[in-house]
Amino acid sequence: MVRLRGEVVQHCDPHIGLLHRGTEKLLTYKTSLQSTPYLDRLDYTSMLSMEESYALVLERVRGDAPPARALGLRVVMVELSRLLNHLMSVTTHAMDVGAITPFL
């Protein structure tokens, strides 16, 4: 909120609103299963890592133990996500220095 007199700022009351596109507010009234897709929007290069950390928290809070196969699949998916992050980093850096072929 800004109060002006002509072009002179008389009073300024900064209000940043909700961060991350209001995700925190959206998640306050959703169940744990309904809120999982919102994690993809917070970090669109490491979506699987975000979802895994959320699942780990829910499992610890509930006292659940996932099967061994699920744990193995999580490791594979998180490692693939890590590799994709590195590829994204290298290709965007290459484009910054003038290369155009990495994304082709």
PDB file of N, CA and C in Angstrom:
ATOM      1  N   MET A   1       0.854  -1.171   0.000  1.00  0.00           N
ATOM      2  CA  MET A   1       0.000   0.000   0.000  1.00  0.00           C
ATOM      3  C   MET A   1       0.899   1.233   0.000  1.00  0.00           C
ATOM      4  N   VAL A   2       0.642   2.117  -0.935  1.00  0.00           N
ATOM      5  CA  VAL A   2       1.442   3.336  -1.061  1.00  0.00           C
ATOM      6  C   VAL A   2       0.505   4.528  -1.096  1.00  0.00           C
ATOM      7  N   ARG A   3       0.827   5.537  -0.293  1.00  0.00           N
ATOM      8  CA  ARG A   3       0.081   6.797  -0.315  1.00  0.00           C
ATOM      9  C   ARG A   3       0.968   7.840  -0.983  1.00  0.00           C
ATOM     10  N   LEU A   4       0.452   8.431  -2.057  1.00  0.00           N
ATOM     11  CA  LEU A   4       1.223   9.397  -2.824  1.00  0.00           C
ATOM     12  C   LEU A   4       0.623  10.789  -2.720  1.00  0.00           C
ATOM     13  N   ARG A   5       1.464  11.780  -2.873  1.00  0.00           N
ATOM     14  CA  ARG A   5       1.039  13.161  -3.074  1.00  0.00           C
ATOM     15  C   ARG A   5       1.752  13.608  -4.338  1.00  0.00           C
ATOM     16  N   GLY A   6       1.024  13.532  -5.449  1.00  0.00           N
ATOM     17  CA  GLY A   6       1.676  13.755  -6.729  1.00  0.00           C
ATOM     18  C   GLY A   6       2.581  12.574  -7.026  1.00  0.00           C
ATOM     19  N   GLU A   7       3.868  12.868  -7.197  1.00  0.00           N
ATOM     20  CA  GLU A   7       4.839  11.802  -7.426  1.00  0.00           C
ATOM     21  C   GLU A   7       5.679  11.512  -6.191  1.00  0.00           C
ATOM     22  N   VAL A   8       5.350  12.126  -5.067  1.00  0.00           N
ATOM     23  CA  VAL A   8       6.105  11.954  -3.830  1.00  0.00           C
ATOM     24  C   VAL A   8       5.411  10.900  -2.966  1.00  0.00           C
ATOM     25  N   VAL A   9       6.171   9.927  -2.511  1.00  0.00           N
ATOM     26  CA  VAL A   9       5.624   8.876  -1.650  1.00  0.00           C
ATOM     27  C   VAL A   9       5.497   9.436  -0.236  1.00  0.00           C
ATOM     28  N   GLN A  10       4.264   9.457   0.283  1.00  0.00           N
ATOM     29  CA  GLN A  10       4.002   9.931   1.636  1.00  0.00           C
ATOM     30  C   GLN A  10       4.150   8.805   2.659  1.00  0.00           C
ATOM     31  N   HIS A  11       3.611   7.643   2.301  1.00  0.00           N
ATOM     32  CA  HIS A  11       3.646   6.505   3.223  1.00  0.00           C
ATOM     33  C   HIS A  11       3.687   5.223   2.394  1.00  0.00           C
ATOM     34  N   CYS A  12       4.463   4.262   2.861  1.00  0.00           N
ATOM     35  CA  CYS A  12       4.563   2.973   2.169  1.00  0.00           C
ATOM     36  C   CYS A  12       4.445   1.856   3.200  1.00  0.00           C
ATOM     37  N   ASP A  13       3.488   0.977   2.987  1.00  0.00           N
ATOM     38  CA  ASP A  13       3.297  -0.189   3.852  1.00  0.00           C
ATOM     39  C   ASP A  13       3.482  -1.427   2.987  1.00  0.00           C
ATOM     40  N   PRO A  14       4.703  -2.006   2.969  1.00  0.00           N
ATOM     41  CA  PRO A  14       4.945  -3.151   2.086  1.00  0.00           C
ATOM     42  C   PRO A  14       4.201  -4.396   2.553  1.00  0.00           C
ATOM     43  N   HIS A  15       3.640  -5.099   1.604  1.00  0.00           N
ATOM     44  CA  HIS A  15       2.931  -6.345   1.881  1.00  0.00           C
ATOM     45  C   HIS A  15       3.290  -7.316   0.765  1.00  0.00           C
ATOM     46  N   ILE A  16       4.062  -8.371   1.090  1.00  0.00           N
ATOM     47  CA  ILE A  16       4.517  -9.278   0.043  1.00  0.00           C
ATOM     48  C   ILE A  16       3.490 -10.335  -0.317  1.00  0.00           C
ATOM     49  N   GLY A  17       2.445 -10.487   0.453  1.00  0.00           N
ATOM     50  CA  GLY A  17       1.439 -11.495   0.150  1.00  0.00           C
ATOM     51  C   GLY A  17       1.934 -12.895   0.466  1.00  0.00           C
ATOM     52  N   LEU A  18       1.298 -13.871  -0.134  1.00  0.00           N
ATOM     53  CA  LEU A  18       1.673 -15.263   0.082  1.00  0.00           C
ATOM     54  C   LEU A  18       2.792 -15.649  -0.878  1.00  0.00           C
ATOM     55  N   LEU A  19       3.813 -16.279  -0.353  1.00  0.00           N
ATOM     56  CA  LEU A  19       4.928 -16.701  -1.186  1.00  0.00           C
ATOM     57  C   LEU A  19       4.573 -17.965  -1.958  1.00  0.00           C
ATOM     58  N   HIS A  20       5.331 -18.247  -2.983  1.00  0.00           N
ATOM     59  CA  HIS A  20       5.175 -19.460  -3.797  1.00  0.00           C
ATOM     60  C   HIS A  20       3.763 -19.579  -4.350  1.00  0.00           C
ATOM     61  N   ARG A  21       3.265 -18.500  -4.868  1.00  0.00           N
ATOM     62  CA  ARG A  21       1.954 -18.478  -5.524  1.00  0.00           C
ATOM     63  C   ARG A  21       0.816 -18.896  -4.591  1.00  0.00           C
ATOM     64  N   GLY A  22       0.951 -18.635  -3.310  1.00  0.00           N
ATOM     65  CA  GLY A  22      -0.116 -18.944  -2.369  1.00  0.00           C
ATOM     66  C   GLY A  22      -0.208 -20.408  -2.005  1.00  0.00           C
ATOM     67  N   THR A  23       0.833 -21.168  -2.242  1.00  0.00           N
ATOM     68  CA  THR A  23       0.777 -22.610  -1.993  1.00  0.00           C
ATOM     69  C   THR A  23       0.550 -22.920  -0.521  1.00  0.00           C
ATOM     70  N   GLU A  24       1.197 -22.148   0.358  1.00  0.00           N
ATOM     71  CA  GLU A  24       1.028 -22.406   1.789  1.00  0.00           C
ATOM     72  C   GLU A  24      -0.439 -22.294   2.195  1.00  0.00           C
ATOM     73  N   LYS A  25      -1.115 -21.292   1.660  1.00  0.00           N
ATOM     74  CA  LYS A  25      -2.529 -21.105   1.994  1.00  0.00           C
ATOM     75  C   LYS A  25      -3.377 -22.222   1.393  1.00  0.00           C
ATOM     76  N   LEU A  26      -3.057 -22.631   0.173  1.00  0.00           N
ATOM     77  CA  LEU A  26      -3.817 -23.712  -0.458  1.00  0.00           C
ATOM     78  C   LEU A  26      -3.682 -25.022   0.313  1.00  0.00           C
ATOM     79  N   LEU A  27      -2.492 -25.295   0.859  1.00  0.00           N
ATOM     80  CA  LEU A  27      -2.260 -26.564   1.533  1.00  0.00           C
ATOM     81  C   LEU A  27      -2.865 -26.620   2.928  1.00  0.00           C
ATOM     82  N   THR A  28      -3.299 -25.494   3.467  1.00  0.00           N
ATOM     83  CA  THR A  28      -3.847 -25.509   4.817  1.00  0.00           C
ATOM     84  C   THR A  28      -5.194 -26.226   4.903  1.00  0.00           C
ATOM     85  N   TYR A  29      -5.939 -26.283   3.798  1.00  0.00           N
ATOM     86  CA  TYR A  29      -7.255 -26.924   3.882  1.00  0.00           C
ATOM     87  C   TYR A  29      -7.363 -28.172   3.005  1.00  0.00           C
ATOM     88  N   LYS A  30      -6.242 -28.686   2.534  1.00  0.00           N
ATOM     89  CA  LYS A  30      -6.264 -29.908   1.731  1.00  0.00           C
ATOM     90  C   LYS A  30      -5.702 -31.078   2.534  1.00  0.00           C
ATOM     91  N   THR A  31      -6.116 -32.279   2.153  1.00  0.00           N
ATOM     92  CA  THR A  31      -5.561 -33.470   2.797  1.00  0.00           C
ATOM     93  C   THR A  31      -4.159 -33.716   2.259  1.00  0.00           C
ATOM     94  N   SER A  32      -3.451 -34.657   2.863  1.00  0.00           N
ATOM     95  CA  SER A  32      -2.080 -34.931   2.429  1.00  0.00           C
ATOM     96  C   SER A  32      -2.037 -35.453   0.999  1.00  0.00           C
ATOM     97  N   LEU A  33      -2.991 -36.259   0.594  1.00  0.00           N
ATOM     98  CA  LEU A  33      -2.997 -36.773  -0.782  1.00  0.00           C
ATOM     99  C   LEU A  33      -3.384 -35.687  -1.786  1.00  0.00           C
ATOM    100  N   GLN A  34      -4.258 -34.771  -1.386  1.00  0.00           N
ATOM    101  CA  GLN A  34      -4.651 -33.694  -2.286  1.00  0.00           C
ATOM    102  C   GLN A  34      -3.553 -32.657  -2.462  1.00  0.00           C
ATOM    103  N   SER A  35      -2.661 -32.555  -1.502  1.00  0.00           N
ATOM    104  CA  SER A  35      -1.642 -31.507  -1.569  1.00  0.00           C
ATOM    105  C   SER A  35      -0.367 -31.947  -2.277  1.00  0.00           C
ATOM    106  N   THR A  36      -0.203 -33.239  -2.550  1.00  0.00           N
ATOM    107  CA  THR A  36       1.029 -33.717  -3.192  1.00  0.00           C
ATOM    108  C   THR A  36       1.276 -33.092  -4.565  1.00  0.00           C
ATOM    109  N   PRO A  37       0.285 -32.940  -5.454  1.00  0.00           N
ATOM    110  CA  PRO A  37       0.567 -32.349  -6.768  1.00  0.00           C
ATOM    111  C   PRO A  37       1.064 -30.905  -6.697  1.00  0.00           C
ATOM    112  N   TYR A  38       0.786 -30.191  -5.642  1.00  0.00           N
ATOM    113  CA  TYR A  38       1.242 -28.809  -5.538  1.00  0.00           C
ATOM    114  C   TYR A  38       2.755 -28.717  -5.372  1.00  0.00           C
ATOM    115  N   LEU A  39       3.374 -29.780  -4.903  1.00  0.00           N
ATOM    116  CA  LEU A  39       4.821 -29.763  -4.713  1.00  0.00           C
ATOM    117  C   LEU A  39       5.551 -29.684  -6.048  1.00  0.00           C
ATOM    118  N   ASP A  40       4.948 -30.182  -7.115  1.00  0.00           N
ATOM    119  CA  ASP A  40       5.575 -30.082  -8.437  1.00  0.00           C
ATOM    120  C   ASP A  40       5.731 -28.634  -8.867  1.00  0.00           C
ATOM    121  N   ARG A  41       4.860 -27.784  -8.431  1.00  0.00           N
ATOM    122  CA  ARG A  41       4.900 -26.385  -8.850  1.00  0.00           C
ATOM    123  C   ARG A  41       5.916 -25.565  -8.076  1.00  0.00           C
ATOM    124  N   LEU A  42       6.367 -26.057  -6.940  1.00  0.00           N
ATOM    125  CA  LEU A  42       7.339 -25.296  -6.151  1.00  0.00           C
ATOM    126  C   LEU A  42       8.742 -25.382  -6.728  1.00  0.00           C
ATOM    127  N   ASP A  43       9.097 -26.528  -7.273  1.00  0.00           N
ATOM    128  CA  ASP A  43      10.441 -26.714  -7.812  1.00  0.00           C
ATOM    129  C   ASP A  43      10.323 -27.586  -9.043  1.00  0.00           C
ATOM    130  N   TYR A  44      10.222 -26.970 -10.205  1.00  0.00           N
ATOM    131  CA  TYR A  44       9.931 -27.763 -11.394  1.00  0.00           C
ATOM    132  C   TYR A  44      11.150 -28.395 -12.026  1.00  0.00           C
ATOM    133  N   THR A  45      12.297 -28.380 -11.377  1.00  0.00           N
ATOM    134  CA  THR A  45      13.412 -29.187 -11.847  1.00  0.00           C
ATOM    135  C   THR A  45      13.668 -30.371 -10.921  1.00  0.00           C
ATOM    136  N   SER A  46      13.195 -30.325  -9.692  1.00  0.00           N
ATOM    137  CA  SER A  46      13.378 -31.442  -8.748  1.00  0.00           C
ATOM    138  C   SER A  46      12.054 -31.855  -8.135  1.00  0.00           C
ATOM    139  N   MET A  47      11.079 -32.092  -8.981  1.00  0.00           N
ATOM    140  CA  MET A  47       9.750 -32.415  -8.465  1.00  0.00           C
ATOM    141  C   MET A  47       9.740 -33.699  -7.644  1.00  0.00           C
ATOM    142  N   LEU A  48      10.457 -34.698  -8.129  1.00  0.00           N
ATOM    143  CA  LEU A  48      10.437 -35.988  -7.437  1.00  0.00           C
ATOM    144  C   LEU A  48      11.098 -35.901  -6.065  1.00  0.00           C
ATOM    145  N   SER A  49      12.140 -35.089  -5.957  1.00  0.00           N
ATOM    146  CA  SER A  49      12.793 -34.921  -4.660  1.00  0.00           C
ATOM    147  C   SER A  49      11.866 -34.222  -3.675  1.00  0.00           C
ATOM    148  N   MET A  50      11.133 -33.236  -4.162  1.00  0.00           N
ATOM    149  CA  MET A  50      10.184 -32.533  -3.297  1.00  0.00           C
ATOM    150  C   MET A  50       9.096 -33.496  -2.814  1.00  0.00           C
ATOM    151  N   GLU A  51       8.585 -34.307  -3.721  1.00  0.00           N
ATOM    152  CA  GLU A  51       7.529 -35.246  -3.333  1.00  0.00           C
ATOM    153  C   GLU A  51       8.057 -36.314  -2.386  1.00  0.00           C
ATOM    154  N   GLU A  52       9.300 -36.737  -2.578  1.00  0.00           N
ATOM    155  CA  GLU A  52       9.863 -37.744  -1.679  1.00  0.00           C
ATOM    156  C   GLU A  52      10.026 -37.190  -0.271  1.00  0.00           C
ATOM    157  N   SER A  53      10.508 -35.966  -0.164  1.00  0.00           N
ATOM    158  CA  SER A  53      10.668 -35.390   1.175  1.00  0.00           C
ATOM    159  C   SER A  53       9.320 -35.232   1.870  1.00  0.00           C
ATOM    160  N   TYR A  54       8.300 -34.850   1.113  1.00  0.00           N
ATOM    161  CA  TYR A  54       6.952 -34.723   1.677  1.00  0.00           C
ATOM    162  C   TYR A  54       6.432 -36.086   2.127  1.00  0.00           C
ATOM    163  N   ALA A  55       6.653 -37.118   1.307  1.00  0.00           N
ATOM    164  CA  ALA A  55       6.204 -38.463   1.666  1.00  0.00           C
ATOM    165  C   ALA A  55       6.931 -38.972   2.906  1.00  0.00           C
ATOM    166  N   LEU A  56       8.229 -38.672   3.008  1.00  0.00           N
ATOM    167  CA  LEU A  56       8.988 -39.093   4.186  1.00  0.00           C
ATOM    168  C   LEU A  56       8.447 -38.449   5.457  1.00  0.00           C
ATOM    169  N   VAL A  57       8.116 -37.180   5.372  1.00  0.00           N
ATOM    170  CA  VAL A  57       7.553 -36.488   6.542  1.00  0.00           C
ATOM    171  C   VAL A  57       6.221 -37.112   6.937  1.00  0.00           C
ATOM    172  N   LEU A  58       5.361 -37.352   5.955  1.00  0.00           N
ATOM    173  CA  LEU A  58       4.056 -37.953   6.263  1.00  0.00           C
ATOM    174  C   LEU A  58       4.213 -39.342   6.874  1.00  0.00           C
ATOM    175  N   GLU A  59       5.149 -40.123   6.353  1.00  0.00           N
ATOM    176  CA  GLU A  59       5.349 -41.462   6.901  1.00  0.00           C
ATOM    177  C   GLU A  59       5.860 -41.413   8.334  1.00  0.00           C
ATOM    178  N   ARG A  60       6.737 -40.478   8.617  1.00  0.00           N
ATOM    179  CA  ARG A  60       7.242 -40.370   9.997  1.00  0.00           C
ATOM    180  C   ARG A  60       6.162 -39.890  10.952  1.00  0.00           C
ATOM    181  N   VAL A  61       5.345 -38.953  10.494  1.00  0.00           N
ATOM    182  CA  VAL A  61       4.270 -38.452  11.358  1.00  0.00           C
ATOM    183  C   VAL A  61       3.260 -39.553  11.640  1.00  0.00           C
ATOM    184  N   ARG A  62       2.923 -40.312  10.627  1.00  0.00           N
ATOM    185  CA  ARG A  62       1.932 -41.376  10.789  1.00  0.00           C
ATOM    186  C   ARG A  62       2.512 -42.643  11.408  1.00  0.00           C
ATOM    187  N   GLY A  63       3.817 -42.798  11.354  1.00  0.00           N
ATOM    188  CA  GLY A  63       4.441 -44.009  11.859  1.00  0.00           C
ATOM    189  C   GLY A  63       4.384 -45.161  10.878  1.00  0.00           C
ATOM    190  N   ASP A  64       4.198 -44.851   9.599  1.00  0.00           N
ATOM    191  CA  ASP A  64       4.140 -45.884   8.567  1.00  0.00           C
ATOM    192  C   ASP A  64       5.540 -46.283   8.124  1.00  0.00           C
ATOM    193  N   ALA A  65       5.651 -47.494   7.625  1.00  0.00           N
ATOM    194  CA  ALA A  65       6.906 -47.964   7.050  1.00  0.00           C
ATOM    195  C   ALA A  65       6.628 -48.419   5.614  1.00  0.00           C
ATOM    196  N   PRO A  66       7.243 -47.770   4.628  1.00  0.00           N
ATOM    197  CA  PRO A  66       6.985 -48.167   3.243  1.00  0.00           C
ATOM    198  C   PRO A  66       7.675 -49.493   2.917  1.00  0.00           C
ATOM    199  N   PRO A  67       7.175 -50.218   1.929  1.00  0.00           N
ATOM    200  CA  PRO A  67       7.826 -51.473   1.546  1.00  0.00           C
ATOM    201  C   PRO A  67       9.209 -51.215   0.940  1.00  0.00           C
ATOM    202  N   ALA A  68      10.045 -52.233   0.944  1.00  0.00           N
ATOM    203  CA  ALA A  68      11.418 -52.094   0.436  1.00  0.00           C
ATOM    204  C   ALA A  68      11.428 -51.720  -1.043  1.00  0.00           C
ATOM    205  N   ARG A  69      10.480 -52.234  -1.805  1.00  0.00           N
ATOM    206  CA  ARG A  69      10.418 -51.904  -3.242  1.00  0.00           C
ATOM    207  C   ARG A  69      10.172 -50.412  -3.440  1.00  0.00           C
ATOM    208  N   ALA A  70       9.299 -49.840  -2.628  1.00  0.00           N
ATOM    209  CA  ALA A  70       9.022 -48.402  -2.737  1.00  0.00           C
ATOM    210  C   ALA A  70      10.265 -47.584  -2.411  1.00  0.00           C
ATOM    211  N   LEU A  71      11.023 -48.020  -1.408  1.00  0.00           N
ATOM    212  CA  LEU A  71      12.248 -47.308  -1.065  1.00  0.00           C
ATOM    213  C   LEU A  71      13.254 -47.357  -2.214  1.00  0.00           C
ATOM    214  N   GLY A  72      13.372 -48.515  -2.862  1.00  0.00           N
ATOM    215  CA  GLY A  72      14.275 -48.640  -4.000  1.00  0.00           C
ATOM    216  C   GLY A  72      13.845 -47.773  -5.171  1.00  0.00           C
ATOM    217  N   LEU A  73      12.541 -47.756  -5.459  1.00  0.00           N
ATOM    218  CA  LEU A  73      12.032 -46.918  -6.542  1.00  0.00           C
ATOM    219  C   LEU A  73      12.255 -45.438  -6.247  1.00  0.00           C
ATOM    220  N   ARG A  74      12.116 -45.056  -4.999  1.00  0.00           N
ATOM    221  CA  ARG A  74      12.367 -43.657  -4.630  1.00  0.00           C
ATOM    222  C   ARG A  74      13.804 -43.261  -4.896  1.00  0.00           C
ATOM    223  N   VAL A  75      14.719 -44.142  -4.534  1.00  0.00           N
ATOM    224  CA  VAL A  75      16.141 -43.844  -4.759  1.00  0.00           C
ATOM    225  C   VAL A  75      16.412 -43.675  -6.250  1.00  0.00           C
ATOM    226  N   VAL A  76      15.859 -44.569  -7.061  1.00  0.00           N
ATOM    227  CA  VAL A  76      16.065 -44.475  -8.510  1.00  0.00           C
ATOM    228  C   VAL A  76      15.503 -43.161  -9.045  1.00  0.00           C
ATOM    229  N   MET A  77      14.304 -42.804  -8.644  1.00  0.00           N
ATOM    230  CA  MET A  77      13.670 -41.594  -9.163  1.00  0.00           C
ATOM    231  C   MET A  77      14.392 -40.325  -8.706  1.00  0.00           C
ATOM    232  N   VAL A  78      14.851 -40.319  -7.473  1.00  0.00           N
ATOM    233  CA  VAL A  78      15.574 -39.139  -6.978  1.00  0.00           C
ATOM    234  C   VAL A  78      16.920 -38.999  -7.681  1.00  0.00           C
ATOM    235  N   GLU A  79      17.586 -40.121  -7.952  1.00  0.00           N
ATOM    236  CA  GLU A  79      18.856 -40.061  -8.669  1.00  0.00           C
ATOM    237  C   GLU A  79      18.651 -39.609 -10.109  1.00  0.00           C
ATOM    238  N   LEU A  80      17.582 -40.060 -10.756  1.00  0.00           N
ATOM    239  CA  LEU A  80      17.268 -39.572 -12.099  1.00  0.00           C
ATOM    240  C   LEU A  80      16.987 -38.077 -12.086  1.00  0.00           C
ATOM    241  N   SER A  81      16.291 -37.634 -11.078  1.00  0.00           N
ATOM    242  CA  SER A  81      16.014 -36.204 -10.938  1.00  0.00           C
ATOM    243  C   SER A  81      17.303 -35.414 -10.756  1.00  0.00           C
ATOM    244  N   ARG A  82      18.231 -35.973  -9.993  1.00  0.00           N
ATOM    245  CA  ARG A  82      19.514 -35.303  -9.780  1.00  0.00           C
ATOM    246  C   ARG A  82      20.284 -35.194 -11.088  1.00  0.00           C
ATOM    247  N   LEU A  83      20.289 -36.280 -11.877  1.00  0.00           N
ATOM    248  CA  LEU A  83      20.965 -36.245 -13.169  1.00  0.00           C
ATOM    249  C   LEU A  83      20.329 -35.220 -14.102  1.00  0.00           C
ATOM    250  N   LEU A  84      19.011 -35.167 -14.104  1.00  0.00           N
ATOM    251  CA  LEU A  84      18.325 -34.186 -14.943  1.00  0.00           C
ATOM    252  C   LEU A  84      18.647 -32.767 -14.510  1.00  0.00           C
ATOM    253  N   ASN A  85      18.791 -32.539 -13.220  1.00  0.00           N
ATOM    254  CA  ASN A  85      19.172 -31.206 -12.743  1.00  0.00           C
ATOM    255  C   ASN A  85      20.553 -30.813 -13.250  1.00  0.00           C
ATOM    256  N   HIS A  86      21.471 -31.769 -13.233  1.00  0.00           N
ATOM    257  CA  HIS A  86      22.812 -31.479 -13.744  1.00  0.00           C
ATOM    258  C   HIS A  86      22.783 -31.197 -15.241  1.00  0.00           C
ATOM    259  N   LEU A  87      22.006 -31.971 -15.994  1.00  0.00           N
ATOM    260  CA  LEU A  87      21.892 -31.721 -17.423  1.00  0.00           C
ATOM    261  C   LEU A  87      21.290 -30.344 -17.695  1.00  0.00           C
ATOM    262  N   MET A  88      20.288 -29.979 -16.931  1.00  0.00           N
ATOM    263  CA  MET A  88      19.673 -28.659 -17.090  1.00  0.00           C
ATOM    264  C   MET A  88      20.688 -27.561 -16.788  1.00  0.00           C
ATOM    265  N   SER A  89      21.482 -27.755 -15.760  1.00  0.00           N
ATOM    266  CA  SER A  89      22.494 -26.770 -15.388  1.00  0.00           C
ATOM    267  C   SER A  89      23.548 -26.612 -16.476  1.00  0.00           C
ATOM    268  N   VAL A  90      24.035 -27.732 -16.983  1.00  0.00           N
ATOM    269  CA  VAL A  90      25.081 -27.679 -18.007  1.00  0.00           C
ATOM    270  C   VAL A  90      24.548 -27.054 -19.294  1.00  0.00           C
ATOM    271  N   THR A  91      23.359 -27.449 -19.712  1.00  0.00           N
ATOM    272  CA  THR A  91      22.839 -26.925 -20.971  1.00  0.00           C
ATOM    273  C   THR A  91      22.487 -25.450 -20.878  1.00  0.00           C
ATOM    274  N   THR A  92      21.930 -25.018 -19.763  1.00  0.00           N
ATOM    275  CA  THR A  92      21.634 -23.586 -19.643  1.00  0.00           C
ATOM    276  C   THR A  92      22.914 -22.771 -19.546  1.00  0.00           C
ATOM    277  N   HIS A  93      23.935 -23.310 -18.888  1.00  0.00           N
ATOM    278  CA  HIS A  93      25.224 -22.608 -18.852  1.00  0.00           C
ATOM    279  C   HIS A  93      25.815 -22.524 -20.256  1.00  0.00           C
ATOM    280  N   ALA A  94      25.731 -23.611 -21.017  1.00  0.00           N
ATOM    281  CA  ALA A  94      26.249 -23.596 -22.385  1.00  0.00           C
ATOM    282  C   ALA A  94      25.522 -22.555 -23.229  1.00  0.00           C
ATOM    283  N   MET A  95      24.218 -22.444 -23.051  1.00  0.00           N
ATOM    284  CA  MET A  95      23.482 -21.421 -23.798  1.00  0.00           C
ATOM    285  C   MET A  95      23.888 -20.021 -23.366  1.00  0.00           C
ATOM    286  N   ASP A  96      24.187 -19.844 -22.076  1.00  0.00           N
ATOM    287  CA  ASP A  96      24.626 -18.537 -21.597  1.00  0.00           C
ATOM    288  C   ASP A  96      25.945 -18.102 -22.223  1.00  0.00           C
ATOM    289  N   VAL A  97      26.808 -19.072 -22.534  1.00  0.00           N
ATOM    290  CA  VAL A  97      28.100 -18.716 -23.117  1.00  0.00           C
ATOM    291  C   VAL A  97      28.085 -18.776 -24.641  1.00  0.00           C
ATOM    292  N   GLY A  98      26.922 -19.016 -25.238  1.00  0.00           N
ATOM    293  CA  GLY A  98      26.808 -18.893 -26.674  1.00  0.00           C
ATOM    294  C   GLY A  98      26.464 -20.143 -27.461  1.00  0.00           C
ATOM    295  N   ALA A  99      26.413 -21.289 -26.844  1.00  0.00           N
ATOM    296  CA  ALA A  99      26.088 -22.509 -27.569  1.00  0.00           C
ATOM    297  C   ALA A  99      24.571 -22.627 -27.745  1.00  0.00           C
ATOM    298  N   ILE A 100      24.143 -23.159 -28.867  1.00  0.00           N
ATOM    299  CA  ILE A 100      22.712 -23.331 -29.072  1.00  0.00           C
ATOM    300  C   ILE A 100      22.320 -24.801 -29.254  1.00  0.00           C
ATOM    301  N   THR A 101      23.279 -25.699 -29.389  1.00  0.00           N
ATOM    302  CA  THR A 101      22.946 -27.096 -29.665  1.00  0.00           C
ATOM    303  C   THR A 101      22.555 -27.928 -28.443  1.00  0.00           C
ATOM    304  N   PRO A 102      22.884 -27.574 -27.190  1.00  0.00           N
ATOM    305  CA  PRO A 102      22.540 -28.495 -26.100  1.00  0.00           C
ATOM    306  C   PRO A 102      21.059 -28.807 -25.967  1.00  0.00           C
ATOM    307  N   PHE A 103      20.182 -27.845 -26.246  1.00  0.00           N
ATOM    308  CA  PHE A 103      18.759 -28.114 -26.100  1.00  0.00           C
ATOM    309  C   PHE A 103      18.160 -28.789 -27.337  1.00  0.00           C
ATOM    310  N   LEU A 104      18.915 -28.853 -28.416  1.00  0.00           N
ATOM    311  CA  LEU A 104      18.405 -29.499 -29.628  1.00  0.00           C
ATOM    312  C   LEU A 104      18.503 -30.970 -29.446  1.00  0.00           C
TER     313      LEU A 104
END
